[in-house]
Amino acid sequence: ESIREEARKLVAAGFKEIVLTGIHLGAYGRDLPGELTLADAARAVLSVEGLVRLRLGSLESIELTDDLFALLRSDERFSRHLHLPLQAGHDAVLKSMNRHYTAQQYADLIAKVESEIPGIAISTDIIVGFPGETEEMFMQTLQFVEKMNFAKMHVFPYSKRKGTPAATMAGQVPEPVKKDRVHRMQQLADQKAAEFHQQFIGRTADVLFETLKEGITDGLTGNYIRVYTDAAVSCDKIFPMRMKKLYKDGLWAELV
């Protein structure tokens, strides 16, 4: 009820898009009576009249339940975008990270999502240089990512945090090696993003504009593509735009 009420206030104040986010978003409801889930929270927001878009923050792949996925498929206001952290494409590294899935299980889930929701954007997180990660393991992650259709990748070098199990693990990766791996993975991330964006050139999409700077306005499509234009559009409003070319981290578009 509190989520629904806050959503009502935001929509009444003119907000077009609401994002559900949290430290561990997929665990929503576990501490509440009545077996509530993240799908229930999403339904609460979607019940608000006047809402244009709902988007989810970062979600563990194993937390994409059938109920939540069905809601994503059935309601057009639910943004066609999921941020599902991969972290590594090698099972031994995933196990060391205490991730409860294999690389193949992750790939199978993404294949299912993409087949049932064409055009959906999948963004992800990758950590390189985790303790024990050999060059061979890193190369396997690189090869795994090459086969995926990621729209955006956030690439991080592993950083030691005091008090965590990983901080005292054997096989700490030297900083220069981590830096090199970040560089190689980021190059692949840029390539994958360009490939994803390329397929939308010539298409039309609704863009919620957010920022105006030096005569150029930018905003996001429902499937999380950053769109730029010098057309006469205004922030906080949605306009139909035709995608023309790759530009910066997204696409350049013209007003339809």
C-alpha atoms as a PDB file:
ATOM      1  CA  GLU A   1       0.000   0.000   0.000  1.00  0.00           C
ATOM      2  CA  SER A   2       2.815   2.431   0.791  1.00  0.00           C
ATOM      3  CA  ILE A   3       4.398   1.731  -2.608  1.00  0.00           C
ATOM      4  CA  ARG A   4       1.063   2.316  -4.352  1.00  0.00           C
ATOM      5  CA  GLU A   5       0.530   5.570  -2.467  1.00  0.00           C
ATOM      6  CA  GLU A   6       4.010   6.857  -3.245  1.00  0.00           C
ATOM      7  CA  ALA A   7       3.508   5.965  -6.909  1.00  0.00           C
ATOM      8  CA  ARG A   8       0.231   7.921  -6.933  1.00  0.00           C
ATOM      9  CA  LYS A   9       1.995  10.991  -5.523  1.00  0.00           C
ATOM     10  CA  LEU A  10       4.797  10.762  -8.093  1.00  0.00           C
ATOM     11  CA  VAL A  11       2.410  10.382 -11.025  1.00  0.00           C
ATOM     12  CA  ALA A  12       0.266  13.261  -9.732  1.00  0.00           C
ATOM     13  CA  ALA A  13       3.436  15.380  -9.552  1.00  0.00           C
ATOM     14  CA  GLY A  14       4.081  14.732 -13.243  1.00  0.00           C
ATOM     15  CA  PHE A  15       6.644  11.945 -13.196  1.00  0.00           C
ATOM     16  CA  LYS A  16       6.339   9.665 -16.226  1.00  0.00           C
ATOM     17  CA  GLU A  17       8.652   6.847 -15.170  1.00  0.00           C
ATOM     18  CA  ILE A  18       9.065   5.077 -11.839  1.00  0.00           C
ATOM     19  CA  VAL A  19      12.011   2.816 -11.057  1.00  0.00           C
ATOM     20  CA  LEU A  20      11.891   0.139  -8.382  1.00  0.00           C
ATOM     21  CA  THR A  21      15.365  -0.190  -6.958  1.00  0.00           C
ATOM     22  CA  GLY A  22      17.113  -1.515  -3.871  1.00  0.00           C
ATOM     23  CA  ILE A  23      20.227  -3.129  -2.436  1.00  0.00           C
ATOM     24  CA  HIS A  24      18.680  -6.584  -3.008  1.00  0.00           C
ATOM     25  CA  LEU A  25      15.617  -5.837  -5.086  1.00  0.00           C
ATOM     26  CA  GLY A  26      14.626  -9.424  -5.813  1.00  0.00           C
ATOM     27  CA  ALA A  27      14.299 -10.179  -2.082  1.00  0.00           C
ATOM     28  CA  TYR A  28      11.440  -7.691  -1.712  1.00  0.00           C
ATOM     29  CA  GLY A  29       8.685  -9.041   0.542  1.00  0.00           C
ATOM     30  CA  ARG A  30      10.644 -11.751   2.333  1.00  0.00           C
ATOM     31  CA  ASP A  31      10.500  -9.761   5.572  1.00  0.00           C
ATOM     32  CA  LEU A  32       6.795  -8.931   5.204  1.00  0.00           C
ATOM     33  CA  PRO A  33       3.690 -10.976   6.068  1.00  0.00           C
ATOM     34  CA  GLY A  34       1.508 -12.407   3.325  1.00  0.00           C
ATOM     35  CA  GLU A  35       4.182 -13.888   1.014  1.00  0.00           C
ATOM     36  CA  LEU A  36       4.580 -10.653  -0.940  1.00  0.00           C
ATOM     37  CA  THR A  37       7.021 -10.564  -3.865  1.00  0.00           C
ATOM     38  CA  LEU A  38       8.628  -8.065  -6.214  1.00  0.00           C
ATOM     39  CA  ALA A  39       5.872  -8.898  -8.734  1.00  0.00           C
ATOM     40  CA  ASP A  40       3.319  -7.683  -6.154  1.00  0.00           C
ATOM     41  CA  ALA A  41       5.263  -4.431  -5.733  1.00  0.00           C
ATOM     42  CA  ALA A  42       5.328  -3.996  -9.515  1.00  0.00           C
ATOM     43  CA  ARG A  43       1.596  -4.643  -9.737  1.00  0.00           C
ATOM     44  CA  ALA A  44       1.010  -2.007  -7.041  1.00  0.00           C
ATOM     45  CA  VAL A  45       2.802   0.610  -9.163  1.00  0.00           C
ATOM     46  CA  LEU A  46       1.121  -0.504 -12.384  1.00  0.00           C
ATOM     47  CA  SER A  47      -2.292  -0.124 -10.738  1.00  0.00           C
ATOM     48  CA  VAL A  48      -1.797   3.660 -10.612  1.00  0.00           C
ATOM     49  CA  GLU A  49      -3.730   5.443 -13.331  1.00  0.00           C
ATOM     50  CA  GLY A  50      -1.610   7.769 -15.443  1.00  0.00           C
ATOM     51  CA  LEU A  51       1.681   5.868 -15.047  1.00  0.00           C
ATOM     52  CA  VAL A  52       3.589   5.723 -18.329  1.00  0.00           C
ATOM     53  CA  ARG A  53       6.596   3.568 -17.464  1.00  0.00           C
ATOM     54  CA  LEU A  54       7.835   1.204 -14.793  1.00  0.00           C
ATOM     55  CA  ARG A  55      11.433   0.041 -14.767  1.00  0.00           C
ATOM     56  CA  LEU A  56      13.340  -2.321 -12.486  1.00  0.00           C
ATOM     57  CA  GLY A  57      16.784  -1.717 -11.047  1.00  0.00           C
ATOM     58  CA  SER A  58      19.412  -4.445 -10.781  1.00  0.00           C
ATOM     59  CA  LEU A  59      17.989  -7.942 -10.325  1.00  0.00           C
ATOM     60  CA  GLU A  60      19.780 -11.249  -9.783  1.00  0.00           C
ATOM     61  CA  SER A  61      19.044 -13.611 -12.675  1.00  0.00           C
ATOM     62  CA  ILE A  62      17.735 -16.327 -10.349  1.00  0.00           C
ATOM     63  CA  GLU A  63      15.193 -13.805  -8.998  1.00  0.00           C
ATOM     64  CA  LEU A  64      13.397 -13.321 -12.312  1.00  0.00           C
ATOM     65  CA  THR A  65      10.376 -15.402 -11.316  1.00  0.00           C
ATOM     66  CA  ASP A  66       7.737 -16.713 -13.715  1.00  0.00           C
ATOM     67  CA  ASP A  67       5.201 -14.324 -12.137  1.00  0.00           C
ATOM     68  CA  LEU A  68       7.433 -11.284 -12.660  1.00  0.00           C
ATOM     69  CA  PHE A  69       8.352 -12.353 -16.184  1.00  0.00           C
ATOM     70  CA  ALA A  70       4.689 -12.808 -17.120  1.00  0.00           C
ATOM     71  CA  LEU A  71       3.958  -9.294 -15.870  1.00  0.00           C
ATOM     72  CA  LEU A  72       6.867  -7.897 -17.889  1.00  0.00           C
ATOM     73  CA  ARG A  73       5.543  -9.582 -21.033  1.00  0.00           C
ATOM     74  CA  SER A  74       1.922  -8.573 -20.585  1.00  0.00           C
ATOM     75  CA  ASP A  75       2.006  -4.900 -19.564  1.00  0.00           C
ATOM     76  CA  GLU A  76       3.327  -2.457 -22.174  1.00  0.00           C
ATOM     77  CA  ARG A  77       4.144   0.100 -19.485  1.00  0.00           C
ATOM     78  CA  PHE A  78       6.725  -2.300 -18.043  1.00  0.00           C
ATOM     79  CA  SER A  79      10.002  -1.206 -19.666  1.00  0.00           C
ATOM     80  CA  ARG A  80      11.607  -3.781 -21.934  1.00  0.00           C
ATOM     81  CA  HIS A  81      14.859  -3.659 -20.022  1.00  0.00           C
ATOM     82  CA  LEU A  82      16.428  -5.895 -17.393  1.00  0.00           C
ATOM     83  CA  HIS A  83      19.710  -5.394 -15.570  1.00  0.00           C
ATOM     84  CA  LEU A  84      20.904  -8.913 -14.740  1.00  0.00           C
ATOM     85  CA  PRO A  85      24.483  -9.058 -13.388  1.00  0.00           C
ATOM     86  CA  LEU A  86      26.582 -11.864 -14.880  1.00  0.00           C
ATOM     87  CA  GLN A  87      29.802 -11.036 -12.949  1.00  0.00           C
ATOM     88  CA  ALA A  88      31.819 -13.814 -14.653  1.00  0.00           C
ATOM     89  CA  GLY A  89      31.471 -16.305 -17.475  1.00  0.00           C
ATOM     90  CA  HIS A  90      33.487 -19.076 -15.789  1.00  0.00           C
ATOM     91  CA  ASP A  91      31.780 -21.432 -13.355  1.00  0.00           C
ATOM     92  CA  ALA A  92      34.735 -21.716 -10.963  1.00  0.00           C
ATOM     93  CA  VAL A  93      34.873 -17.938 -10.589  1.00  0.00           C
ATOM     94  CA  LEU A  94      31.101 -17.760 -10.100  1.00  0.00           C
ATOM     95  CA  LYS A  95      31.357 -20.391  -7.367  1.00  0.00           C
ATOM     96  CA  SER A  96      34.137 -18.433  -5.638  1.00  0.00           C
ATOM     97  CA  MET A  97      31.897 -15.358  -5.793  1.00  0.00           C
ATOM     98  CA  ASN A  98      29.130 -17.389  -4.112  1.00  0.00           C
ATOM     99  CA  ARG A  99      26.866 -16.968  -7.130  1.00  0.00           C
ATOM    100  CA  HIS A 100      24.119 -19.576  -7.242  1.00  0.00           C
ATOM    101  CA  TYR A 101      24.010 -20.156 -10.996  1.00  0.00           C
ATOM    102  CA  THR A 102      26.273 -21.394 -13.772  1.00  0.00           C
ATOM    103  CA  ALA A 103      27.224 -19.491 -16.907  1.00  0.00           C
ATOM    104  CA  GLN A 104      25.046 -21.856 -18.970  1.00  0.00           C
ATOM    105  CA  GLN A 105      22.021 -21.313 -16.730  1.00  0.00           C
ATOM    106  CA  TYR A 106      22.473 -17.563 -17.146  1.00  0.00           C
ATOM    107  CA  ALA A 107      22.768 -17.916 -20.942  1.00  0.00           C
ATOM    108  CA  ASP A 108      19.659 -20.115 -21.078  1.00  0.00           C
ATOM    109  CA  LEU A 109      17.637 -17.545 -19.114  1.00  0.00           C
ATOM    110  CA  ILE A 110      18.739 -14.687 -21.385  1.00  0.00           C
ATOM    111  CA  ALA A 111      17.876 -16.742 -24.481  1.00  0.00           C
ATOM    112  CA  LYS A 112      14.375 -17.356 -23.087  1.00  0.00           C
ATOM    113  CA  VAL A 113      13.870 -13.664 -22.229  1.00  0.00           C
ATOM    114  CA  GLU A 114      15.056 -12.464 -25.628  1.00  0.00           C
ATOM    115  CA  SER A 115      12.933 -14.988 -27.524  1.00  0.00           C
ATOM    116  CA  GLU A 116       9.743 -14.055 -25.652  1.00  0.00           C
ATOM    117  CA  ILE A 117      10.344 -10.279 -25.576  1.00  0.00           C
ATOM    118  CA  PRO A 118      11.968  -9.234 -28.887  1.00  0.00           C
ATOM    119  CA  GLY A 119      14.007  -6.050 -28.653  1.00  0.00           C
ATOM    120  CA  ILE A 120      14.453  -6.228 -24.880  1.00  0.00           C
ATOM    121  CA  ALA A 121      17.675  -4.688 -23.591  1.00  0.00           C
ATOM    122  CA  ILE A 122      19.775  -6.770 -21.217  1.00  0.00           C
ATOM    123  CA  SER A 123      22.420  -4.837 -19.329  1.00  0.00           C
ATOM    124  CA  THR A 124      24.886  -6.491 -16.977  1.00  0.00           C
ATOM    125  CA  ASP A 125      27.830  -6.188 -14.583  1.00  0.00           C
ATOM    126  CA  ILE A 126      31.193  -7.897 -15.049  1.00  0.00           C
ATOM    127  CA  ILE A 127      33.928  -8.151 -12.402  1.00  0.00           C
ATOM    128  CA  VAL A 128      37.401  -8.990 -13.684  1.00  0.00           C
ATOM    129  CA  GLY A 129      40.430  -9.982 -11.650  1.00  0.00           C
ATOM    130  CA  PHE A 130      38.538 -11.780  -8.880  1.00  0.00           C
ATOM    131  CA  PRO A 131      40.949 -13.777  -6.665  1.00  0.00           C
ATOM    132  CA  GLY A 132      41.890 -17.017  -8.394  1.00  0.00           C
ATOM    133  CA  GLU A 133      40.894 -15.826 -11.868  1.00  0.00           C
ATOM    134  CA  THR A 134      43.555 -17.037 -14.288  1.00  0.00           C
ATOM    135  CA  GLU A 135      44.115 -15.687 -17.792  1.00  0.00           C
ATOM    136  CA  GLU A 136      42.396 -18.805 -19.142  1.00  0.00           C
ATOM    137  CA  MET A 137      39.349 -18.157 -16.924  1.00  0.00           C
ATOM    138  CA  PHE A 138      39.231 -14.531 -18.012  1.00  0.00           C
ATOM    139  CA  MET A 139      39.403 -15.554 -21.669  1.00  0.00           C
ATOM    140  CA  GLN A 140      36.453 -17.900 -21.126  1.00  0.00           C
ATOM    141  CA  THR A 141      34.427 -14.980 -19.709  1.00  0.00           C
ATOM    142  CA  LEU A 142      35.467 -12.876 -22.704  1.00  0.00           C
ATOM    143  CA  GLN A 143      34.342 -15.620 -25.099  1.00  0.00           C
ATOM    144  CA  PHE A 144      31.070 -16.047 -23.185  1.00  0.00           C
ATOM    145  CA  VAL A 145      30.291 -12.322 -23.442  1.00  0.00           C
ATOM    146  CA  GLU A 146      31.073 -12.330 -27.173  1.00  0.00           C
ATOM    147  CA  LYS A 147      28.142 -14.728 -27.680  1.00  0.00           C
ATOM    148  CA  MET A 148      25.701 -12.557 -25.727  1.00  0.00           C
ATOM    149  CA  ASN A 149      23.597  -9.637 -26.947  1.00  0.00           C
ATOM    150  CA  PHE A 150      24.253  -7.226 -24.086  1.00  0.00           C
ATOM    151  CA  ALA A 151      22.967  -3.689 -24.608  1.00  0.00           C
ATOM    152  CA  LYS A 152      25.231  -2.276 -21.921  1.00  0.00           C
ATOM    153  CA  MET A 153      27.977  -3.636 -19.687  1.00  0.00           C
ATOM    154  CA  HIS A 154      29.387  -2.166 -16.496  1.00  0.00           C
ATOM    155  CA  VAL A 155      32.949  -3.473 -16.156  1.00  0.00           C
ATOM    156  CA  PHE A 156      34.710  -3.359 -12.777  1.00  0.00           C
ATOM    157  CA  PRO A 157      38.088  -4.547 -11.525  1.00  0.00           C
ATOM    158  CA  TYR A 158      37.832  -6.587  -8.337  1.00  0.00           C
ATOM    159  CA  SER A 159      38.715  -4.410  -5.350  1.00  0.00           C
ATOM    160  CA  LYS A 160      39.606  -5.890  -1.975  1.00  0.00           C
ATOM    161  CA  ARG A 161      37.191  -5.068   0.846  1.00  0.00           C
ATOM    162  CA  LYS A 162      38.293  -5.643   4.405  1.00  0.00           C
ATOM    163  CA  GLY A 163      36.305  -8.295   6.235  1.00  0.00           C
ATOM    164  CA  THR A 164      35.055 -10.114   3.133  1.00  0.00           C
ATOM    165  CA  PRO A 165      36.039 -13.738   2.370  1.00  0.00           C
ATOM    166  CA  ALA A 166      37.546 -12.715  -0.977  1.00  0.00           C
ATOM    167  CA  ALA A 167      39.968 -10.312   0.688  1.00  0.00           C
ATOM    168  CA  THR A 168      41.973 -13.208   2.144  1.00  0.00           C
ATOM    169  CA  MET A 169      41.613 -15.667  -0.745  1.00  0.00           C
ATOM    170  CA  ALA A 170      44.693 -17.065  -2.433  1.00  0.00           C
ATOM    171  CA  GLY A 171      45.478 -15.998  -5.973  1.00  0.00           C
ATOM    172  CA  GLN A 172      45.015 -12.243  -5.649  1.00  0.00           C
ATOM    173  CA  VAL A 173      45.397 -10.787  -9.151  1.00  0.00           C
ATOM    174  CA  PRO A 174      48.047  -8.043  -9.571  1.00  0.00           C
ATOM    175  CA  GLU A 175      46.710  -4.548 -10.286  1.00  0.00           C
ATOM    176  CA  PRO A 176      48.386  -4.212 -13.725  1.00  0.00           C
ATOM    177  CA  VAL A 177      46.762  -7.488 -14.808  1.00  0.00           C
ATOM    178  CA  LYS A 178      43.346  -6.331 -13.595  1.00  0.00           C
ATOM    179  CA  LYS A 179      43.793  -3.039 -15.436  1.00  0.00           C
ATOM    180  CA  ASP A 180      44.624  -4.866 -18.670  1.00  0.00           C
ATOM    181  CA  ARG A 181      41.615  -7.162 -18.318  1.00  0.00           C
ATOM    182  CA  VAL A 182      39.283  -4.235 -17.655  1.00  0.00           C
ATOM    183  CA  HIS A 183      40.570  -2.580 -20.828  1.00  0.00           C
ATOM    184  CA  ARG A 184      39.986  -5.679 -22.947  1.00  0.00           C
ATOM    185  CA  MET A 185      36.538  -6.313 -21.493  1.00  0.00           C
ATOM    186  CA  GLN A 186      35.552  -2.650 -21.920  1.00  0.00           C
ATOM    187  CA  GLN A 187      36.540  -2.778 -25.585  1.00  0.00           C
ATOM    188  CA  LEU A 188      34.200  -5.743 -26.004  1.00  0.00           C
ATOM    189  CA  ALA A 189      31.486  -3.913 -24.034  1.00  0.00           C
ATOM    190  CA  ASP A 190      31.686  -0.964 -26.443  1.00  0.00           C
ATOM    191  CA  GLN A 191      31.464  -3.323 -29.420  1.00  0.00           C
ATOM    192  CA  LYS A 192      28.423  -5.154 -27.990  1.00  0.00           C
ATOM    193  CA  ALA A 193      26.640  -1.862 -27.234  1.00  0.00           C
ATOM    194  CA  ALA A 194      27.213  -0.616 -30.784  1.00  0.00           C
ATOM    195  CA  GLU A 195      25.889  -3.897 -32.209  1.00  0.00           C
ATOM    196  CA  PHE A 196      22.765  -3.695 -30.050  1.00  0.00           C
ATOM    197  CA  HIS A 197      22.053  -0.067 -30.939  1.00  0.00           C
ATOM    198  CA  GLN A 198      22.731  -0.621 -34.639  1.00  0.00           C
ATOM    199  CA  GLN A 199      19.666  -2.840 -35.031  1.00  0.00           C
ATOM    200  CA  PHE A 200      17.348   0.027 -34.065  1.00  0.00           C
ATOM    201  CA  ILE A 201      18.566   2.518 -36.688  1.00  0.00           C
ATOM    202  CA  GLY A 202      15.618   3.428 -38.917  1.00  0.00           C
ATOM    203  CA  ARG A 203      13.059   2.423 -36.292  1.00  0.00           C
ATOM    204  CA  THR A 204      10.768   4.700 -34.317  1.00  0.00           C
ATOM    205  CA  ALA A 205      10.546   4.688 -30.511  1.00  0.00           C
ATOM    206  CA  ASP A 206       9.026   6.810 -27.762  1.00  0.00           C
ATOM    207  CA  VAL A 207      11.702   8.703 -25.835  1.00  0.00           C
ATOM    208  CA  LEU A 208      11.300  10.253 -22.398  1.00  0.00           C
ATOM    209  CA  PHE A 209      13.661  13.232 -22.489  1.00  0.00           C
ATOM    210  CA  GLU A 210      15.590  14.157 -19.370  1.00  0.00           C
ATOM    211  CA  THR A 211      18.463  16.557 -19.965  1.00  0.00           C
ATOM    212  CA  LEU A 212      19.175  19.588 -22.169  1.00  0.00           C
ATOM    213  CA  LYS A 213      22.788  20.665 -22.620  1.00  0.00           C
ATOM    214  CA  GLU A 214      24.275  22.950 -25.270  1.00  0.00           C
ATOM    215  CA  GLY A 215      21.280  22.573 -27.577  1.00  0.00           C
ATOM    216  CA  ILE A 216      21.156  18.777 -27.412  1.00  0.00           C
ATOM    217  CA  THR A 217      18.453  16.953 -25.461  1.00  0.00           C
ATOM    218  CA  ASP A 218      18.811  13.339 -24.375  1.00  0.00           C
ATOM    219  CA  GLY A 219      16.589  10.735 -22.798  1.00  0.00           C
ATOM    220  CA  LEU A 220      15.720   7.051 -22.754  1.00  0.00           C
ATOM    221  CA  THR A 221      13.568   4.693 -24.767  1.00  0.00           C
ATOM    222  CA  GLY A 222      11.559   2.052 -22.967  1.00  0.00           C
ATOM    223  CA  ASN A 223      14.297  -0.475 -23.680  1.00  0.00           C
ATOM    224  CA  TYR A 224      16.994   1.740 -22.169  1.00  0.00           C
ATOM    225  CA  ILE A 225      18.620   3.213 -25.276  1.00  0.00           C
ATOM    226  CA  ARG A 226      20.073   6.675 -24.668  1.00  0.00           C
ATOM    227  CA  VAL A 227      18.770   8.948 -27.444  1.00  0.00           C
ATOM    228  CA  TYR A 228      20.128  12.368 -28.425  1.00  0.00           C
ATOM    229  CA  THR A 229      18.539  15.051 -30.609  1.00  0.00           C
ATOM    230  CA  ASP A 230      18.676  18.744 -31.499  1.00  0.00           C
ATOM    231  CA  ALA A 231      14.946  18.710 -32.359  1.00  0.00           C
ATOM    232  CA  ALA A 232      12.454  20.934 -30.529  1.00  0.00           C
ATOM    233  CA  VAL A 233      11.615  18.561 -27.701  1.00  0.00           C
ATOM    234  CA  SER A 234      11.213  19.344 -24.011  1.00  0.00           C
ATOM    235  CA  CYS A 235      12.382  17.516 -20.921  1.00  0.00           C
ATOM    236  CA  ASP A 236       9.975  15.436 -18.820  1.00  0.00           C
ATOM    237  CA  LYS A 237       7.881  14.684 -21.907  1.00  0.00           C
ATOM    238  CA  ILE A 238       7.709  11.750 -24.296  1.00  0.00           C
ATOM    239  CA  PHE A 239       8.161  12.195 -28.053  1.00  0.00           C
ATOM    240  CA  PRO A 240       8.168   9.703 -30.955  1.00  0.00           C
ATOM    241  CA  MET A 241      11.672   9.675 -32.431  1.00  0.00           C
ATOM    242  CA  ARG A 242      13.219   8.005 -35.483  1.00  0.00           C
ATOM    243  CA  MET A 243      16.691   6.590 -34.886  1.00  0.00           C
ATOM    244  CA  LYS A 244      19.229   7.851 -37.431  1.00  0.00           C
ATOM    245  CA  LYS A 245      22.777   6.861 -36.431  1.00  0.00           C
ATOM    246  CA  LEU A 246      25.102   5.740 -33.645  1.00  0.00           C
ATOM    247  CA  TYR A 247      25.999   8.640 -31.363  1.00  0.00           C
ATOM    248  CA  LYS A 248      28.071   8.639 -28.159  1.00  0.00           C
ATOM    249  CA  ASP A 249      26.687   5.874 -25.909  1.00  0.00           C
ATOM    250  CA  GLY A 250      23.415   5.570 -27.804  1.00  0.00           C
ATOM    251  CA  LEU A 251      21.665   6.886 -30.915  1.00  0.00           C
ATOM    252  CA  TRP A 252      21.007  10.191 -32.633  1.00  0.00           C
ATOM    253  CA  ALA A 253      17.346  10.655 -33.597  1.00  0.00           C
ATOM    254  CA  GLU A 254      14.940  13.024 -35.303  1.00  0.00           C
ATOM    255  CA  LEU A 255      11.441  13.968 -34.260  1.00  0.00           C
ATOM    256  CA  VAL A 256       8.733  12.049 -36.133  1.00  0.00           C
END
